[in-house]
Amino acid sequence: MQQVIILSLFLLSACALAAPSHQLELHLPPDPQSQRATDLVYSPIKPVTDATRYTTLNPGVKLTALKKVKHAKGNMVFSSGERIS
């Protein structure tokens, strides 16, 4: 009995491997604006001091308070309520 079960499982797995994948047919054309992690440039982390702080280097910048929203999965999202164009 065990040999029959093992043989049938073997045949089912062989059929599954031989069948063409439907996922290969659903290929979407590449988005020209899509980015990958390999497109990013590595830069070392630099400590910030009062002299190198962004607001010190750009004194005319207007700071905006962000709203903090906690999602159900524990992720924190910060939003200014405006879209960046």
PDB file of N, CA and C in Angstrom:
ATOM      1  N   MET A   1       0.825  -1.199   0.000  1.00  0.00           N
ATOM      2  CA  MET A   1       0.000   0.000   0.000  1.00  0.00           C
ATOM      3  C   MET A   1       0.868   1.262   0.000  1.00  0.00           C
ATOM      4  N   GLN A   2       1.933   1.236   0.801  1.00  0.00           N
ATOM      5  CA  GLN A   2       2.807   2.409   0.858  1.00  0.00           C
ATOM      6  C   GLN A   2       3.491   2.647  -0.481  1.00  0.00           C
ATOM      7  N   GLN A   3       3.809   1.564  -1.197  1.00  0.00           N
ATOM      8  CA  GLN A   3       4.460   1.712  -2.492  1.00  0.00           C
ATOM      9  C   GLN A   3       3.527   2.377  -3.497  1.00  0.00           C
ATOM     10  N   VAL A   4       2.250   2.072  -3.428  1.00  0.00           N
ATOM     11  CA  VAL A   4       1.274   2.679  -4.332  1.00  0.00           C
ATOM     12  C   VAL A   4       1.158   4.173  -4.041  1.00  0.00           C
ATOM     13  N   ILE A   5       1.119   4.532  -2.774  1.00  0.00           N
ATOM     14  CA  ILE A   5       1.022   5.947  -2.389  1.00  0.00           C
ATOM     15  C   ILE A   5       2.278   6.690  -2.815  1.00  0.00           C
ATOM     16  N   ILE A   6       3.437   6.105  -2.576  1.00  0.00           N
ATOM     17  CA  ILE A   6       4.693   6.757  -2.945  1.00  0.00           C
ATOM     18  C   ILE A   6       4.785   6.906  -4.454  1.00  0.00           C
ATOM     19  N   LEU A   7       4.385   5.873  -5.203  1.00  0.00           N
ATOM     20  CA  LEU A   7       4.423   5.938  -6.660  1.00  0.00           C
ATOM     21  C   LEU A   7       3.477   7.010  -7.188  1.00  0.00           C
ATOM     22  N   SER A   8       2.268   7.101  -6.616  1.00  0.00           N
ATOM     23  CA  SER A   8       1.322   8.122  -7.080  1.00  0.00           C
ATOM     24  C   SER A   8       1.815   9.526  -6.741  1.00  0.00           C
ATOM     25  N   LEU A   9       2.422   9.709  -5.582  1.00  0.00           N
ATOM     26  CA  LEU A   9       2.987  11.021  -5.242  1.00  0.00           C
ATOM     27  C   LEU A   9       4.146  11.371  -6.159  1.00  0.00           C
ATOM     28  N   PHE A  10       4.942  10.376  -6.510  1.00  0.00           N
ATOM     29  CA  PHE A  10       6.062  10.602  -7.419  1.00  0.00           C
ATOM     30  C   PHE A  10       5.558  11.032  -8.792  1.00  0.00           C
ATOM     31  N   LEU A  11       4.505  10.366  -9.292  1.00  0.00           N
ATOM     32  CA  LEU A  11       3.944  10.723 -10.593  1.00  0.00           C
ATOM     33  C   LEU A  11       3.320  12.116 -10.570  1.00  0.00           C
ATOM     34  N   LEU A  12       2.638  12.453  -9.488  1.00  0.00           N
ATOM     35  CA  LEU A  12       2.051  13.795  -9.379  1.00  0.00           C
ATOM     36  C   LEU A  12       3.123  14.876  -9.373  1.00  0.00           C
ATOM     37  N   SER A  13       4.203  14.652  -8.648  1.00  0.00           N
ATOM     38  CA  SER A  13       5.270  15.652  -8.609  1.00  0.00           C
ATOM     39  C   SER A  13       5.969  15.749  -9.953  1.00  0.00           C
ATOM     40  N   ALA A  14       6.124  14.630 -10.668  1.00  0.00           N
ATOM     41  CA  ALA A  14       6.735  14.666 -11.992  1.00  0.00           C
ATOM     42  C   ALA A  14       5.859  15.434 -12.971  1.00  0.00           C
ATOM     43  N   CYS A  15       4.541  15.255 -12.884  1.00  0.00           N
ATOM     44  CA  CYS A  15       3.623  15.996 -13.755  1.00  0.00           C
ATOM     45  C   CYS A  15       3.658  17.488 -13.442  1.00  0.00           C
ATOM     46  N   ALA A  16       3.756  17.823 -12.178  1.00  0.00           N
ATOM     47  CA  ALA A  16       3.798  19.237 -11.788  1.00  0.00           C
ATOM     48  C   ALA A  16       5.071  19.897 -12.289  1.00  0.00           C
ATOM     49  N   LEU A  17       6.177  19.174 -12.277  1.00  0.00           N
ATOM     50  CA  LEU A  17       7.434  19.731 -12.772  1.00  0.00           C
ATOM     51  C   LEU A  17       7.438  19.851 -14.286  1.00  0.00           C
ATOM     52  N   ALA A  18       6.770  18.930 -14.974  1.00  0.00           N
ATOM     53  CA  ALA A  18       6.764  18.935 -16.433  1.00  0.00           C
ATOM     54  C   ALA A  18       5.788  19.955 -17.002  1.00  0.00           C
ATOM     55  N   ALA A  19       4.781  20.357 -16.239  1.00  0.00           N
ATOM     56  CA  ALA A  19       3.772  21.296 -16.733  1.00  0.00           C
ATOM     57  C   ALA A  19       4.377  22.684 -16.862  1.00  0.00           C
ATOM     58  N   PRO A  20       4.031  23.409 -17.928  1.00  0.00           N
ATOM     59  CA  PRO A  20       4.556  24.772 -18.068  1.00  0.00           C
ATOM     60  C   PRO A  20       3.970  25.686 -17.004  1.00  0.00           C
ATOM     61  N   SER A  21       4.759  26.611 -16.569  1.00  0.00           N
ATOM     62  CA  SER A  21       4.317  27.527 -15.525  1.00  0.00           C
ATOM     63  C   SER A  21       3.489  28.645 -16.134  1.00  0.00           C
ATOM     64  N   HIS A  22       2.363  28.947 -15.522  1.00  0.00           N
ATOM     65  CA  HIS A  22       1.523  30.047 -15.995  1.00  0.00           C
ATOM     66  C   HIS A  22       2.110  31.392 -15.607  1.00  0.00           C
ATOM     67  N   GLN A  23       2.960  31.410 -14.604  1.00  0.00           N
ATOM     68  CA  GLN A  23       3.549  32.671 -14.163  1.00  0.00           C
ATOM     69  C   GLN A  23       4.490  33.232 -15.209  1.00  0.00           C
ATOM     70  N   LEU A  24       5.124  32.387 -16.001  1.00  0.00           N
ATOM     71  CA  LEU A  24       6.037  32.876 -17.022  1.00  0.00           C
ATOM     72  C   LEU A  24       5.294  33.622 -18.116  1.00  0.00           C
ATOM     73  N   GLU A  25       4.028  33.250 -18.357  1.00  0.00           N
ATOM     74  CA  GLU A  25       3.242  33.895 -19.397  1.00  0.00           C
ATOM     75  C   GLU A  25       2.744  35.271 -18.963  1.00  0.00           C
ATOM     76  N   LEU A  26       2.714  35.539 -17.672  1.00  0.00           N
ATOM     77  CA  LEU A  26       2.181  36.800 -17.160  1.00  0.00           C
ATOM     78  C   LEU A  26       3.255  37.864 -17.014  1.00  0.00           C
ATOM     79  N   HIS A  27       4.290  37.791 -17.807  1.00  0.00           N
ATOM     80  CA  HIS A  27       5.380  38.759 -17.719  1.00  0.00           C
ATOM     81  C   HIS A  27       4.893  40.137 -18.134  1.00  0.00           C
ATOM     82  N   LEU A  28       5.139  41.117 -17.317  1.00  0.00           N
ATOM     83  CA  LEU A  28       4.797  42.488 -17.647  1.00  0.00           C
ATOM     84  C   LEU A  28       6.014  43.158 -18.262  1.00  0.00           C
ATOM     85  N   PRO A  29       5.813  44.085 -19.178  1.00  0.00           N
ATOM     86  CA  PRO A  29       6.972  44.784 -19.739  1.00  0.00           C
ATOM     87  C   PRO A  29       7.655  45.598 -18.646  1.00  0.00           C
ATOM     88  N   PRO A  30       8.974  45.715 -18.697  1.00  0.00           N
ATOM     89  CA  PRO A  30       9.676  46.453 -17.643  1.00  0.00           C
ATOM     90  C   PRO A  30       9.305  47.931 -17.654  1.00  0.00           C
ATOM     91  N   ASP A  31       9.095  48.471 -16.493  1.00  0.00           N
ATOM     92  CA  ASP A  31       8.770  49.880 -16.333  1.00  0.00           C
ATOM     93  C   ASP A  31      10.063  50.678 -16.446  1.00  0.00           C
ATOM     94  N   PRO A  32      10.142  51.644 -17.368  1.00  0.00           N
ATOM     95  CA  PRO A  32      11.402  52.379 -17.533  1.00  0.00           C
ATOM     96  C   PRO A  32      11.782  53.199 -16.301  1.00  0.00           C
ATOM     97  N   GLN A  33      10.805  53.524 -15.440  1.00  0.00           N
ATOM     98  CA  GLN A  33      11.118  54.317 -14.260  1.00  0.00           C
ATOM     99  C   GLN A  33      11.274  53.470 -13.007  1.00  0.00           C
ATOM    100  N   SER A  34      11.143  52.147 -13.136  1.00  0.00           N
ATOM    101  CA  SER A  34      11.286  51.306 -11.952  1.00  0.00           C
ATOM    102  C   SER A  34      12.745  51.248 -11.543  1.00  0.00           C
ATOM    103  N   GLN A  35      12.982  51.175 -10.257  1.00  0.00           N
ATOM    104  CA  GLN A  35      14.340  51.136  -9.739  1.00  0.00           C
ATOM    105  C   GLN A  35      14.532  49.880  -8.933  1.00  0.00           C
ATOM    106  N   ARG A  36      15.760  49.429  -8.900  1.00  0.00           N
ATOM    107  CA  ARG A  36      16.125  48.257  -8.127  1.00  0.00           C
ATOM    108  C   ARG A  36      17.149  48.663  -7.088  1.00  0.00           C
ATOM    109  N   ALA A  37      17.374  47.786  -6.148  1.00  0.00           N
ATOM    110  CA  ALA A  37      18.368  48.069  -5.114  1.00  0.00           C
ATOM    111  C   ALA A  37      19.752  48.216  -5.720  1.00  0.00           C
ATOM    112  N   THR A  38      20.010  47.562  -6.850  1.00  0.00           N
ATOM    113  CA  THR A  38      21.323  47.675  -7.490  1.00  0.00           C
ATOM    114  C   THR A  38      21.522  49.037  -8.133  1.00  0.00           C
ATOM    115  N   ASP A  39      20.432  49.797  -8.339  1.00  0.00           N
ATOM    116  CA  ASP A  39      20.546  51.134  -8.914  1.00  0.00           C
ATOM    117  C   ASP A  39      20.998  52.167  -7.888  1.00  0.00           C
ATOM    118  N   LEU A  40      20.892  51.835  -6.608  1.00  0.00           N
ATOM    119  CA  LEU A  40      21.240  52.784  -5.563  1.00  0.00           C
ATOM    120  C   LEU A  40      22.753  52.876  -5.402  1.00  0.00           C
ATOM    121  N   VAL A  41      23.202  54.025  -4.990  1.00  0.00           N
ATOM    122  CA  VAL A  41      24.626  54.244  -4.780  1.00  0.00           C
ATOM    123  C   VAL A  41      24.913  54.128  -3.292  1.00  0.00           C
ATOM    124  N   TYR A  42      25.954  53.407  -2.960  1.00  0.00           N
ATOM    125  CA  TYR A  42      26.339  53.233  -1.561  1.00  0.00           C
ATOM    126  C   TYR A  42      27.085  54.470  -1.086  1.00  0.00           C
ATOM    127  N   SER A  43      26.745  54.942   0.087  1.00  0.00           N
ATOM    128  CA  SER A  43      27.505  56.020   0.721  1.00  0.00           C
ATOM    129  C   SER A  43      27.608  55.695   2.203  1.00  0.00           C
ATOM    130  N   PRO A  44      28.756  55.939   2.778  1.00  0.00           N
ATOM    131  CA  PRO A  44      28.915  55.616   4.201  1.00  0.00           C
ATOM    132  C   PRO A  44      28.072  56.548   5.074  1.00  0.00           C
ATOM    133  N   ILE A  45      27.724  56.082   6.244  1.00  0.00           N
ATOM    134  CA  ILE A  45      26.960  56.886   7.198  1.00  0.00           C
ATOM    135  C   ILE A  45      27.891  57.917   7.813  1.00  0.00           C
ATOM    136  N   LYS A  46      27.437  59.163   7.815  1.00  0.00           N
ATOM    137  CA  LYS A  46      28.243  60.249   8.379  1.00  0.00           C
ATOM    138  C   LYS A  46      27.520  60.811   9.599  1.00  0.00           C
ATOM    139  N   PRO A  47      28.225  61.015  10.692  1.00  0.00           N
ATOM    140  CA  PRO A  47      27.575  61.614  11.862  1.00  0.00           C
ATOM    141  C   PRO A  47      27.226  63.082  11.598  1.00  0.00           C
ATOM    142  N   VAL A  48      26.105  63.527  12.161  1.00  0.00           N
ATOM    143  CA  VAL A  48      25.657  64.907  11.986  1.00  0.00           C
ATOM    144  C   VAL A  48      26.065  65.714  13.206  1.00  0.00           C
ATOM    145  N   THR A  49      26.644  66.871  12.951  1.00  0.00           N
ATOM    146  CA  THR A  49      26.991  67.805  14.026  1.00  0.00           C
ATOM    147  C   THR A  49      26.185  69.082  13.807  1.00  0.00           C
ATOM    148  N   ASP A  50      26.272  70.020  14.738  1.00  0.00           N
ATOM    149  CA  ASP A  50      25.564  71.292  14.568  1.00  0.00           C
ATOM    150  C   ASP A  50      26.056  72.041  13.333  1.00  0.00           C
ATOM    151  N   ALA A  51      27.344  71.895  13.003  1.00  0.00           N
ATOM    152  CA  ALA A  51      27.901  72.595  11.844  1.00  0.00           C
ATOM    153  C   ALA A  51      27.442  71.978  10.525  1.00  0.00           C
ATOM    154  N   THR A  52      27.166  70.675  10.520  1.00  0.00           N
ATOM    155  CA  THR A  52      26.779  70.006   9.273  1.00  0.00           C
ATOM    156  C   THR A  52      25.286  69.736   9.186  1.00  0.00           C
ATOM    157  N   ARG A  53      24.519  70.192  10.140  1.00  0.00           N
ATOM    158  CA  ARG A  53      23.068  69.972  10.135  1.00  0.00           C
ATOM    159  C   ARG A  53      22.436  70.667   8.929  1.00  0.00           C
ATOM    160  N   TYR A  54      21.392  70.065   8.352  1.00  0.00           N
ATOM    161  CA  TYR A  54      20.755  70.590   7.141  1.00  0.00           C
ATOM    162  C   TYR A  54      20.241  72.011   7.344  1.00  0.00           C
ATOM    163  N   THR A  55      19.630  72.278   8.493  1.00  0.00           N
ATOM    164  CA  THR A  55      19.086  73.617   8.734  1.00  0.00           C
ATOM    165  C   THR A  55      20.182  74.658   8.922  1.00  0.00           C
ATOM    166  N   THR A  56      21.370  74.232   9.338  1.00  0.00           N
ATOM    167  CA  THR A  56      22.492  75.166   9.448  1.00  0.00           C
ATOM    168  C   THR A  56      23.032  75.498   8.067  1.00  0.00           C
ATOM    169  N   LEU A  57      23.130  74.485   7.216  1.00  0.00           N
ATOM    170  CA  LEU A  57      23.647  74.699   5.865  1.00  0.00           C
ATOM    171  C   LEU A  57      22.635  75.405   4.968  1.00  0.00           C
ATOM    172  N   ASN A  58      21.349  75.271   5.256  1.00  0.00           N
ATOM    173  CA  ASN A  58      20.279  75.902   4.472  1.00  0.00           C
ATOM    174  C   ASN A  58      19.376  76.685   5.419  1.00  0.00           C
ATOM    175  N   PRO A  59      19.781  77.882   5.835  1.00  0.00           N
ATOM    176  CA  PRO A  59      19.020  78.613   6.862  1.00  0.00           C
ATOM    177  C   PRO A  59      17.634  79.071   6.408  1.00  0.00           C
ATOM    178  N   GLY A  60      17.385  79.165   5.120  1.00  0.00           N
ATOM    179  CA  GLY A  60      16.089  79.631   4.634  1.00  0.00           C
ATOM    180  C   GLY A  60      15.055  78.531   4.478  1.00  0.00           C
ATOM    181  N   VAL A  61      15.377  77.319   4.866  1.00  0.00           N
ATOM    182  CA  VAL A  61      14.454  76.205   4.672  1.00  0.00           C
ATOM    183  C   VAL A  61      13.290  76.303   5.650  1.00  0.00           C
ATOM    184  N   LYS A  62      12.087  75.934   5.164  1.00  0.00           N
ATOM    185  CA  LYS A  62      10.892  75.956   6.008  1.00  0.00           C
ATOM    186  C   LYS A  62      10.633  74.536   6.505  1.00  0.00           C
ATOM    187  N   LEU A  63      10.608  74.339   7.794  1.00  0.00           N
ATOM    188  CA  LEU A  63      10.365  73.021   8.369  1.00  0.00           C
ATOM    189  C   LEU A  63       8.866  72.776   8.483  1.00  0.00           C
ATOM    190  N   THR A  64       8.451  71.542   8.219  1.00  0.00           N
ATOM    191  CA  THR A  64       7.049  71.151   8.287  1.00  0.00           C
ATOM    192  C   THR A  64       6.902  70.014   9.285  1.00  0.00           C
ATOM    193  N   ALA A  65       5.955  70.154  10.198  1.00  0.00           N
ATOM    194  CA  ALA A  65       5.704  69.077  11.157  1.00  0.00           C
ATOM    195  C   ALA A  65       5.011  67.922  10.442  1.00  0.00           C
ATOM    196  N   LEU A  66       5.430  66.711  10.740  1.00  0.00           N
ATOM    197  CA  LEU A  66       4.852  65.524  10.122  1.00  0.00           C
ATOM    198  C   LEU A  66       3.866  64.862  11.075  1.00  0.00           C
ATOM    199  N   LYS A  67       2.833  64.259  10.486  1.00  0.00           N
ATOM    200  CA  LYS A  67       1.870  63.494  11.276  1.00  0.00           C
ATOM    201  C   LYS A  67       2.352  62.053  11.336  1.00  0.00           C
ATOM    202  N   LYS A  68       2.314  61.454  12.515  1.00  0.00           N
ATOM    203  CA  LYS A  68       2.755  60.076  12.691  1.00  0.00           C
ATOM    204  C   LYS A  68       1.530  59.183  12.793  1.00  0.00           C
ATOM    205  N   VAL A  69       1.475  58.171  11.939  1.00  0.00           N
ATOM    206  CA  VAL A  69       0.359  57.234  11.922  1.00  0.00           C
ATOM    207  C   VAL A  69       0.917  55.838  12.126  1.00  0.00           C
ATOM    208  N   LYS A  70       0.350  55.115  13.090  1.00  0.00           N
ATOM    209  CA  LYS A  70       0.774  53.737  13.335  1.00  0.00           C
ATOM    210  C   LYS A  70      -0.238  52.805  12.688  1.00  0.00           C
ATOM    211  N   HIS A  71       0.251  51.929  11.820  1.00  0.00           N
ATOM    212  CA  HIS A  71      -0.616  50.974  11.140  1.00  0.00           C
ATOM    213  C   HIS A  71      -0.753  49.703  11.963  1.00  0.00           C
ATOM    214  N   ALA A  72      -1.696  48.874  11.581  1.00  0.00           N
ATOM    215  CA  ALA A  72      -2.008  47.658  12.332  1.00  0.00           C
ATOM    216  C   ALA A  72      -0.833  46.697  12.410  1.00  0.00           C
ATOM    217  N   LYS A  73       0.013  46.678  11.403  1.00  0.00           N
ATOM    218  CA  LYS A  73       1.149  45.760  11.399  1.00  0.00           C
ATOM    219  C   LYS A  73       2.337  46.315  12.179  1.00  0.00           C
ATOM    220  N   GLY A  74       2.180  47.451  12.795  1.00  0.00           N
ATOM    221  CA  GLY A  74       3.253  48.019  13.601  1.00  0.00           C
ATOM    222  C   GLY A  74       4.144  48.985  12.849  1.00  0.00           C
ATOM    223  N   ASN A  75       3.881  49.201  11.566  1.00  0.00           N
ATOM    224  CA  ASN A  75       4.697  50.132  10.792  1.00  0.00           C
ATOM    225  C   ASN A  75       4.310  51.566  11.132  1.00  0.00           C
ATOM    226  N   MET A  76       5.298  52.427  11.174  1.00  0.00           N
ATOM    227  CA  MET A  76       5.052  53.846  11.416  1.00  0.00           C
ATOM    228  C   MET A  76       5.174  54.586  10.091  1.00  0.00           C
ATOM    229  N   VAL A  77       4.204  55.427   9.782  1.00  0.00           N
ATOM    230  CA  VAL A  77       4.212  56.211   8.559  1.00  0.00           C
ATOM    231  C   VAL A  77       4.149  57.676   8.950  1.00  0.00           C
ATOM    232  N   PHE A  78       5.016  58.476   8.353  1.00  0.00           N
ATOM    233  CA  PHE A  78       5.040  59.910   8.599  1.00  0.00           C
ATOM    234  C   PHE A  78       4.556  60.612   7.339  1.00  0.00           C
ATOM    235  N   SER A  79       3.643  61.562   7.500  1.00  0.00           N
ATOM    236  CA  SER A  79       3.058  62.247   6.358  1.00  0.00           C
ATOM    237  C   SER A  79       2.942  63.732   6.650  1.00  0.00           C
ATOM    238  N   SER A  80       3.232  64.535   5.617  1.00  0.00           N
ATOM    239  CA  SER A  80       3.056  65.978   5.752  1.00  0.00           C
ATOM    240  C   SER A  80       1.699  66.407   5.225  1.00  0.00           C
ATOM    241  N   GLY A  81       0.971  65.482   4.599  1.00  0.00           N
ATOM    242  CA  GLY A  81      -0.330  65.811   4.040  1.00  0.00           C
ATOM    243  C   GLY A  81      -0.252  66.415   2.657  1.00  0.00           C
ATOM    244  N   GLU A  82       0.943  66.539   2.094  1.00  0.00           N
ATOM    245  CA  GLU A  82       1.123  67.117   0.763  1.00  0.00           C
ATOM    246  C   GLU A  82       1.846  66.118  -0.121  1.00  0.00           C
ATOM    247  N   ARG A  83       1.542  66.189  -1.406  1.00  0.00           N
ATOM    248  CA  ARG A  83       2.260  65.355  -2.366  1.00  0.00           C
ATOM    249  C   ARG A  83       3.523  66.073  -2.821  1.00  0.00           C
ATOM    250  N   ILE A  84       4.569  65.293  -2.990  1.00  0.00           N
ATOM    251  CA  ILE A  84       5.816  65.857  -3.508  1.00  0.00           C
ATOM    252  C   ILE A  84       5.826  65.636  -5.005  1.00  0.00           C
ATOM    253  N   SER A  85       6.001  66.700  -5.768  1.00  0.00           N
ATOM    254  CA  SER A  85       6.006  66.552  -7.229  1.00  0.00           C
ATOM    255  C   SER A  85       7.405  66.634  -7.781  1.00  0.00           C
TER     256      SER A  85
END
